[in-house]
Protein backbone atom coordinates (compact mmCIF):
# COMPACT_ATOMS: atom_id res chain seq x y z
CA MET A 1 20.32 -74.10 156.43
CA THR A 2 20.66 -70.36 157.03
CA MET A 3 17.98 -68.35 158.78
CA ASN A 4 17.01 -66.59 155.52
CA LYS A 5 16.61 -69.90 153.67
CA ALA A 6 14.54 -71.35 156.53
CA LEU A 7 12.32 -68.25 156.61
CA CYS A 8 11.90 -68.40 152.82
CA ALA A 9 10.97 -72.10 152.98
CA LEU A 10 8.46 -71.45 155.80
CA THR A 11 6.92 -68.51 153.93
CA THR A 12 6.56 -70.62 150.78
CA ALA A 13 4.92 -73.44 152.76
CA VAL A 14 2.46 -71.00 154.36
CA LEU A 15 1.56 -69.44 151.00
CA VAL A 16 0.99 -72.86 149.44
CA ALA A 17 -1.20 -73.88 152.40
CA LEU A 18 -3.23 -70.66 152.12
CA ALA A 19 -3.70 -71.13 148.38
CA THR A 20 -4.87 -74.74 148.71
CA PRO A 21 -8.54 -73.92 149.51
CA ALA A 22 -8.68 -71.73 146.39
CA LEU A 23 -7.21 -74.56 144.34
CA ALA A 24 -9.86 -76.92 145.73
CA GLN A 25 -12.50 -74.78 143.98
CA THR A 26 -11.16 -75.88 140.60
CA PRO A 27 -12.79 -79.12 139.50
CA PRO A 28 -10.40 -82.03 139.34
CA THR A 29 -9.75 -83.30 135.86
CA PRO A 30 -8.74 -86.90 135.57
CA GLY A 31 -5.48 -87.46 133.83
CA PRO A 32 -4.82 -89.86 131.02
CA THR A 33 -6.43 -93.29 131.29
CA PRO A 34 -4.17 -95.63 129.32
CA GLY A 35 -5.90 -98.88 128.46
CA ALA A 36 -9.40 -97.51 129.16
CA ALA A 37 -10.67 -98.33 125.66
CA GLN A 38 -10.08 -102.04 126.30
CA MET A 39 -10.85 -102.01 130.03
CA ILE A 40 -14.29 -100.40 129.64
CA GLN A 41 -15.63 -103.17 127.41
CA GLY A 42 -18.16 -105.39 129.16
CA THR A 43 -21.17 -105.12 131.46
CA TRP A 44 -21.21 -102.87 134.53
CA ARG A 45 -23.77 -102.83 137.38
CA MET A 46 -24.66 -99.49 138.99
CA VAL A 47 -23.75 -99.32 142.67
CA GLY A 48 -24.58 -95.67 143.32
CA ALA A 49 -24.77 -92.07 142.20
CA GLN A 50 -24.05 -89.02 144.30
CA THR A 51 -23.62 -85.28 143.90
CA GLN A 52 -21.52 -82.99 146.07
CA ALA A 53 -19.83 -79.60 145.82
CA VAL A 54 -16.43 -79.94 144.16
CA ASP A 55 -14.74 -78.38 147.18
CA GLY A 56 -16.30 -81.02 149.47
CA SER A 57 -18.58 -78.58 151.26
CA GLY A 58 -22.30 -79.07 151.71
CA GLU A 59 -24.29 -82.22 151.84
CA ILE A 60 -24.04 -85.20 149.54
CA THR A 61 -27.24 -85.81 147.59
CA TYR A 62 -28.34 -88.98 145.84
CA PRO A 63 -30.00 -88.08 142.51
CA ARG A 64 -31.06 -91.69 141.89
CA GLY A 65 -31.86 -92.59 145.50
CA LEU A 66 -29.65 -94.55 147.87
CA HIS A 67 -29.80 -97.84 145.97
CA PRO A 68 -30.36 -97.30 142.22
CA THR A 69 -30.34 -100.29 139.93
CA GLY A 70 -29.03 -100.40 136.42
CA TYR A 71 -26.55 -101.68 133.91
CA ILE A 72 -24.32 -100.13 131.30
CA ILE A 73 -22.74 -102.18 128.52
CA TYR A 74 -19.85 -101.14 126.29
CA ASP A 75 -19.09 -103.46 123.38
CA GLU A 76 -15.97 -103.82 121.24
CA HIS A 77 -17.69 -102.19 118.24
CA GLY A 78 -18.17 -98.78 119.88
CA MET A 79 -21.80 -99.29 120.92
CA MET A 80 -23.12 -98.68 124.44
CA TYR A 81 -26.43 -99.42 126.16
CA VAL A 82 -27.64 -98.16 129.55
CA GLN A 83 -30.72 -98.59 131.73
CA ILE A 84 -31.06 -97.08 135.21
CA MET A 85 -34.00 -97.05 137.62
CA ASN A 86 -34.12 -94.84 140.70
CA SER A 87 -34.38 -96.77 143.95
CA ASP A 88 -36.49 -94.63 146.22
CA GLU A 89 -39.59 -94.31 144.10
CA VAL A 90 -42.83 -95.74 145.46
CA ARG A 91 -43.97 -98.34 142.97
CA PRO A 92 -47.66 -98.50 142.01
CA ALA A 93 -49.60 -101.37 143.57
CA LYS A 94 -49.84 -104.49 141.42
CA VAL A 95 -53.62 -104.52 141.64
CA GLY A 96 -56.18 -103.17 139.24
CA PRO A 97 -55.65 -102.38 135.57
CA ARG A 98 -52.18 -102.92 134.12
CA GLN A 99 -52.30 -99.49 132.51
CA LEU A 100 -50.77 -96.80 134.72
CA SER A 101 -52.60 -93.56 135.41
CA ALA A 102 -51.19 -90.40 133.81
CA GLU A 103 -49.61 -89.45 137.16
CA GLU A 104 -48.05 -92.92 137.57
CA GLN A 105 -46.72 -92.78 134.01
CA ALA A 106 -45.09 -89.40 134.62
CA LYS A 107 -43.50 -90.63 137.84
CA ALA A 108 -42.22 -93.82 136.15
CA PHE A 109 -40.82 -91.81 133.23
CA SER A 110 -38.96 -89.41 135.51
CA SER A 111 -37.39 -92.24 137.54
CA TYR A 112 -36.03 -94.26 134.61
CA THR A 113 -33.25 -93.63 132.10
CA ALA A 114 -32.52 -95.78 129.08
CA TYR A 115 -30.58 -95.03 125.94
CA PHE A 116 -28.18 -96.61 123.47
CA GLY A 117 -25.78 -95.36 120.85
CA ASN A 118 -22.14 -94.96 119.96
CA TYR A 119 -19.35 -94.27 122.40
CA SER A 120 -15.74 -93.17 122.11
CA ILE A 121 -12.88 -93.01 124.58
CA ASP A 122 -10.30 -90.23 124.74
CA GLU A 123 -7.58 -91.86 126.85
CA GLU A 124 -5.46 -88.69 126.89
CA ALA A 125 -8.32 -86.54 128.26
CA GLY A 126 -9.64 -89.33 130.48
CA THR A 127 -13.17 -89.16 129.04
CA VAL A 128 -15.85 -91.33 127.51
CA THR A 129 -18.41 -89.76 125.17
CA HIS A 130 -21.90 -91.21 124.57
CA ASP A 131 -23.80 -90.26 121.40
CA PRO A 132 -27.38 -91.56 121.94
CA GLN A 133 -29.23 -92.87 118.90
CA ALA A 134 -32.39 -93.60 120.92
CA ASN A 135 -33.52 -92.50 124.37
CA THR A 136 -36.59 -92.81 126.61
CA ASN A 137 -36.60 -89.01 126.35
CA PRO A 138 -36.67 -88.35 122.59
CA ARG A 139 -35.43 -84.77 123.10
CA GLN A 140 -32.09 -86.19 124.23
CA VAL A 141 -31.44 -88.23 121.08
CA GLY A 142 -28.18 -86.94 119.63
CA ASP A 143 -27.27 -84.97 122.79
CA VAL A 144 -23.64 -85.97 123.15
CA ARG A 145 -22.67 -86.66 126.78
CA THR A 146 -19.04 -86.53 127.87
CA ARG A 147 -18.12 -88.08 131.21
CA PHE A 148 -14.82 -87.94 133.04
CA LEU A 149 -13.65 -91.49 133.45
CA GLU A 150 -12.11 -93.23 136.44
CA ILE A 151 -11.59 -96.92 135.77
CA THR A 152 -9.93 -99.99 137.23
CA PRO A 153 -10.46 -103.56 136.03
CA ASP A 154 -13.42 -103.90 138.46
CA THR A 155 -14.76 -100.36 139.05
CA LEU A 156 -15.95 -97.53 136.82
CA GLU A 157 -16.92 -93.94 137.62
CA LEU A 158 -18.55 -91.68 135.05
CA ASN A 159 -18.34 -88.15 136.44
CA THR A 160 -19.74 -84.80 135.36
CA PHE A 161 -19.23 -81.27 136.66
CA ASN A 162 -22.04 -78.68 136.71
CA THR A 163 -22.54 -75.26 138.21
CA GLY A 164 -25.90 -74.87 139.97
CA ALA A 165 -28.17 -71.81 140.03
CA ASP A 166 -26.50 -70.96 143.35
CA GLY A 167 -23.11 -70.67 141.59
CA VAL A 168 -21.68 -73.74 143.35
CA GLU A 169 -19.78 -76.17 141.16
CA ARG A 170 -20.74 -79.78 141.83
CA ILE A 171 -19.53 -83.19 140.74
CA THR A 172 -21.95 -86.03 140.06
CA ARG A 173 -20.39 -89.46 140.33
CA ARG A 174 -22.06 -92.46 138.70
CA MET A 175 -20.44 -95.53 140.23
CA TRP A 176 -20.39 -98.98 138.65
CA GLU A 177 -18.84 -102.39 139.33
CA ARG A 178 -17.98 -104.99 136.72
CA ALA A 179 -20.82 -107.50 136.30
CA ASN A 180 -19.03 -109.96 134.01
């Protein structure tokens, strides 16, 4: 290799290395997920949820606590059902009246998600879309939710990207393992 070719190769390598942090700012988009429409069918148990800046900086937060519990079911007819309960909430004592106080009701409502509806898979885009027909929060009925999909026969991630008020783009990963 001549000196000019070696210098050109080194310069290219340095430029690529310098550009890499800028590229890390762009959210990753999963590629095609062939077979996802069949693979997703079944029952999945939630094993965690976490949010972090897309570029890997900053702390990881746990929007559902460290040990959320929940299940999501996808059937062969295009219907899905999900229920998730945050893990780090202090549960009301099991003494006294069964009816929760207004404060306890609000806390319980904010720590629980449940909805069902139709779903569709776009294997080329690597996404699953939920179209809720009912929801514990009635304002979210019909709010279509698209998640980037990462799937193996035994694991499922439903990921979203959002930009916070601080301008930082974050990824939220909802992690599941096959339950059946």
